[in-house]
Amino acid sequence: MSTGIWIVIVVLALILGFVGGFFAARKYMEDYLKKNPPINEQMLRTMMIQMGQKPSEKKLHQMMASMKANMSKK
């Protein structure tokens, strides 16, 4: 085989590897964030207290439901 064909094959392999790796990493991170959300009710309660608000259970549940709805849309 000539050198030009080898270069084309290597370039195509690199491009396919980058594209495949990008989509695999993206899928992995989406699944990871669904299983391990970055914020939970305890963290939300702590943030509200630090901001000077008195967190009620109803408000906490509403905020968590809102965050979950936003994550499922994406």
N, C-alpha and C. Protein backbone atom coordinates (compact mmCIF):
# COMPACT_ATOMS: atom_id res chain seq x y z
N MET A 1 0.85 -1.19 0.00
CA MET A 1 0.00 0.00 0.00
C MET A 1 0.89 1.24 0.00
N SER A 2 0.34 2.27 -0.58
CA SER A 2 1.13 3.50 -0.63
C SER A 2 0.98 4.29 0.67
N THR A 3 1.87 5.21 0.85
CA THR A 3 1.87 6.03 2.06
C THR A 3 0.61 6.88 2.18
N GLY A 4 0.10 7.36 1.05
CA GLY A 4 -1.10 8.19 1.07
C GLY A 4 -2.32 7.45 1.60
N ILE A 5 -2.45 6.19 1.24
CA ILE A 5 -3.59 5.40 1.73
C ILE A 5 -3.48 5.20 3.24
N TRP A 6 -2.26 4.93 3.73
CA TRP A 6 -2.07 4.76 5.17
C TRP A 6 -2.42 6.03 5.94
N ILE A 7 -2.06 7.15 5.40
CA ILE A 7 -2.38 8.42 6.07
C ILE A 7 -3.88 8.62 6.12
N VAL A 8 -4.58 8.33 5.04
CA VAL A 8 -6.04 8.47 5.00
C VAL A 8 -6.69 7.53 6.02
N ILE A 9 -6.22 6.29 6.08
CA ILE A 9 -6.77 5.32 7.04
C ILE A 9 -6.55 5.79 8.47
N VAL A 10 -5.37 6.28 8.78
CA VAL A 10 -5.07 6.75 10.14
C VAL A 10 -5.93 7.96 10.50
N VAL A 11 -6.08 8.89 9.58
CA VAL A 11 -6.89 10.08 9.84
C VAL A 11 -8.35 9.69 10.05
N LEU A 12 -8.88 8.79 9.21
CA LEU A 12 -10.26 8.34 9.39
C LEU A 12 -10.45 7.61 10.73
N ALA A 13 -9.49 6.80 11.11
CA ALA A 13 -9.57 6.10 12.39
C ALA A 13 -9.57 7.08 13.55
N LEU A 14 -8.74 8.11 13.48
CA LEU A 14 -8.71 9.12 14.54
C LEU A 14 -10.04 9.87 14.64
N ILE A 15 -10.58 10.25 13.50
CA ILE A 15 -11.84 10.98 13.49
C ILE A 15 -12.96 10.11 14.07
N LEU A 16 -13.05 8.86 13.62
CA LEU A 16 -14.07 7.95 14.15
C LEU A 16 -13.87 7.71 15.65
N GLY A 17 -12.64 7.61 16.09
CA GLY A 17 -12.37 7.43 17.52
C GLY A 17 -12.79 8.62 18.35
N PHE A 18 -12.51 9.82 17.86
CA PHE A 18 -12.93 11.02 18.59
C PHE A 18 -14.45 11.14 18.65
N VAL A 19 -15.12 10.91 17.54
CA VAL A 19 -16.57 11.02 17.50
C VAL A 19 -17.21 9.95 18.41
N GLY A 20 -16.75 8.72 18.28
CA GLY A 20 -17.27 7.64 19.12
C GLY A 20 -17.00 7.88 20.59
N GLY A 21 -15.82 8.35 20.92
CA GLY A 21 -15.48 8.64 22.31
C GLY A 21 -16.31 9.76 22.89
N PHE A 22 -16.57 10.77 22.08
CA PHE A 22 -17.39 11.89 22.55
C PHE A 22 -18.79 11.42 22.92
N PHE A 23 -19.43 10.65 22.03
CA PHE A 23 -20.79 10.21 22.31
C PHE A 23 -20.85 9.19 23.44
N ALA A 24 -19.84 8.34 23.56
CA ALA A 24 -19.80 7.39 24.67
C ALA A 24 -19.63 8.12 26.00
N ALA A 25 -18.76 9.11 26.05
CA ALA A 25 -18.56 9.88 27.28
C ALA A 25 -19.81 10.68 27.64
N ARG A 26 -20.47 11.22 26.63
CA ARG A 26 -21.69 12.00 26.88
C ARG A 26 -22.78 11.10 27.47
N LYS A 27 -22.97 9.92 26.91
CA LYS A 27 -23.98 8.98 27.40
C LYS A 27 -23.64 8.55 28.83
N TYR A 28 -22.37 8.27 29.09
CA TYR A 28 -21.95 7.87 30.43
C TYR A 28 -22.25 8.96 31.45
N MET A 29 -21.94 10.20 31.13
CA MET A 29 -22.18 11.30 32.07
C MET A 29 -23.67 11.54 32.29
N GLU A 30 -24.49 11.42 31.26
CA GLU A 30 -25.93 11.58 31.44
C GLU A 30 -26.47 10.51 32.38
N ASP A 31 -26.06 9.27 32.19
CA ASP A 31 -26.50 8.19 33.08
C ASP A 31 -26.00 8.40 34.49
N TYR A 32 -24.77 8.83 34.64
CA TYR A 32 -24.19 9.06 35.96
C TYR A 32 -24.95 10.15 36.71
N LEU A 33 -25.28 11.24 36.02
CA LEU A 33 -25.98 12.34 36.67
C LEU A 33 -27.42 11.98 37.00
N LYS A 34 -28.04 11.08 36.24
CA LYS A 34 -29.39 10.63 36.58
C LYS A 34 -29.36 9.78 37.84
N LYS A 35 -28.34 8.93 37.97
CA LYS A 35 -28.24 8.06 39.14
C LYS A 35 -27.75 8.82 40.37
N ASN A 36 -26.90 9.81 40.17
CA ASN A 36 -26.30 10.57 41.27
C ASN A 36 -26.52 12.06 41.02
N PRO A 37 -27.72 12.55 41.31
CA PRO A 37 -27.96 13.96 41.05
C PRO A 37 -27.02 14.85 41.86
N PRO A 38 -26.63 15.97 41.29
CA PRO A 38 -25.65 16.82 41.96
C PRO A 38 -26.19 17.50 43.21
N ILE A 39 -27.48 17.52 43.40
CA ILE A 39 -28.05 18.20 44.56
C ILE A 39 -29.17 17.34 45.13
N ASN A 40 -29.26 17.26 46.44
CA ASN A 40 -30.35 16.52 47.07
C ASN A 40 -31.08 17.44 48.04
N GLU A 41 -32.10 16.90 48.71
CA GLU A 41 -32.92 17.75 49.59
C GLU A 41 -32.12 18.32 50.75
N GLN A 42 -31.20 17.54 51.28
CA GLN A 42 -30.39 18.04 52.41
C GLN A 42 -29.52 19.21 51.97
N MET A 43 -28.92 19.11 50.80
CA MET A 43 -28.10 20.22 50.29
C MET A 43 -28.96 21.45 50.04
N LEU A 44 -30.15 21.22 49.48
CA LEU A 44 -31.06 22.32 49.19
C LEU A 44 -31.50 23.00 50.49
N ARG A 45 -31.78 22.22 51.50
CA ARG A 45 -32.18 22.77 52.81
C ARG A 45 -31.05 23.62 53.40
N THR A 46 -29.83 23.11 53.31
CA THR A 46 -28.67 23.84 53.83
C THR A 46 -28.47 25.15 53.09
N MET A 47 -28.63 25.13 51.77
CA MET A 47 -28.47 26.37 51.00
C MET A 47 -29.53 27.41 51.37
N MET A 48 -30.77 26.93 51.56
CA MET A 48 -31.84 27.87 51.91
C MET A 48 -31.59 28.49 53.28
N ILE A 49 -31.12 27.69 54.22
CA ILE A 49 -30.82 28.22 55.56
C ILE A 49 -29.69 29.25 55.48
N GLN A 50 -28.67 28.97 54.66
CA GLN A 50 -27.57 29.91 54.51
C GLN A 50 -28.02 31.21 53.87
N MET A 51 -29.05 31.13 53.02
CA MET A 51 -29.57 32.34 52.38
C MET A 51 -30.56 33.08 53.28
N GLY A 52 -30.81 32.54 54.47
CA GLY A 52 -31.68 33.22 55.41
C GLY A 52 -33.14 32.88 55.25
N GLN A 53 -33.45 31.81 54.52
CA GLN A 53 -34.85 31.40 54.34
C GLN A 53 -35.15 30.22 55.26
N LYS A 54 -36.40 30.13 55.67
CA LYS A 54 -36.83 29.00 56.48
C LYS A 54 -37.42 27.96 55.52
N PRO A 55 -36.74 26.85 55.31
CA PRO A 55 -37.23 25.87 54.34
C PRO A 55 -38.38 25.03 54.88
N SER A 56 -39.50 25.07 54.20
CA SER A 56 -40.61 24.20 54.56
C SER A 56 -40.51 22.94 53.69
N GLU A 57 -41.09 21.85 54.18
CA GLU A 57 -41.04 20.59 53.42
C GLU A 57 -41.73 20.75 52.07
N LYS A 58 -42.82 21.49 52.03
CA LYS A 58 -43.55 21.69 50.78
C LYS A 58 -42.68 22.41 49.76
N LYS A 59 -42.00 23.44 50.20
CA LYS A 59 -41.15 24.20 49.28
C LYS A 59 -39.97 23.35 48.80
N LEU A 60 -39.39 22.56 49.70
CA LEU A 60 -38.29 21.69 49.31
C LEU A 60 -38.73 20.68 48.25
N HIS A 61 -39.89 20.07 48.48
CA HIS A 61 -40.39 19.09 47.52
C HIS A 61 -40.71 19.74 46.17
N GLN A 62 -41.25 20.96 46.20
CA GLN A 62 -41.54 21.67 44.95
C GLN A 62 -40.26 21.96 44.19
N MET A 63 -39.23 22.40 44.89
CA MET A 63 -37.97 22.73 44.22
C MET A 63 -37.30 21.48 43.66
N MET A 64 -37.34 20.37 44.40
CA MET A 64 -36.75 19.13 43.91
C MET A 64 -37.52 18.62 42.69
N ALA A 65 -38.84 18.70 42.72
CA ALA A 65 -39.65 18.26 41.57
C ALA A 65 -39.35 19.13 40.36
N SER A 66 -39.18 20.42 40.58
CA SER A 66 -38.84 21.32 39.49
C SER A 66 -37.49 20.98 38.89
N MET A 67 -36.51 20.68 39.73
CA MET A 67 -35.17 20.34 39.24
C MET A 67 -35.20 19.02 38.47
N LYS A 68 -35.95 18.03 38.97
CA LYS A 68 -36.05 16.75 38.28
C LYS A 68 -36.74 16.91 36.93
N ALA A 69 -37.77 17.75 36.88
CA ALA A 69 -38.48 17.99 35.62
C ALA A 69 -37.54 18.64 34.60
N ASN A 70 -36.71 19.58 35.05
CA ASN A 70 -35.76 20.23 34.16
C ASN A 70 -34.72 19.24 33.65
N MET A 71 -34.27 18.32 34.50
CA MET A 71 -33.27 17.35 34.07
C MET A 71 -33.85 16.36 33.07
N SER A 72 -35.12 15.99 33.25
CA SER A 72 -35.72 15.01 32.34
C SER A 72 -36.01 15.60 30.97
N LYS A 73 -36.16 16.93 30.87
CA LYS A 73 -36.40 17.58 29.59
C LYS A 73 -35.17 17.53 28.71
N LYS A 74 -34.00 17.57 29.31
CA LYS A 74 -32.76 17.60 28.54
C LYS A 74 -32.44 16.29 27.99
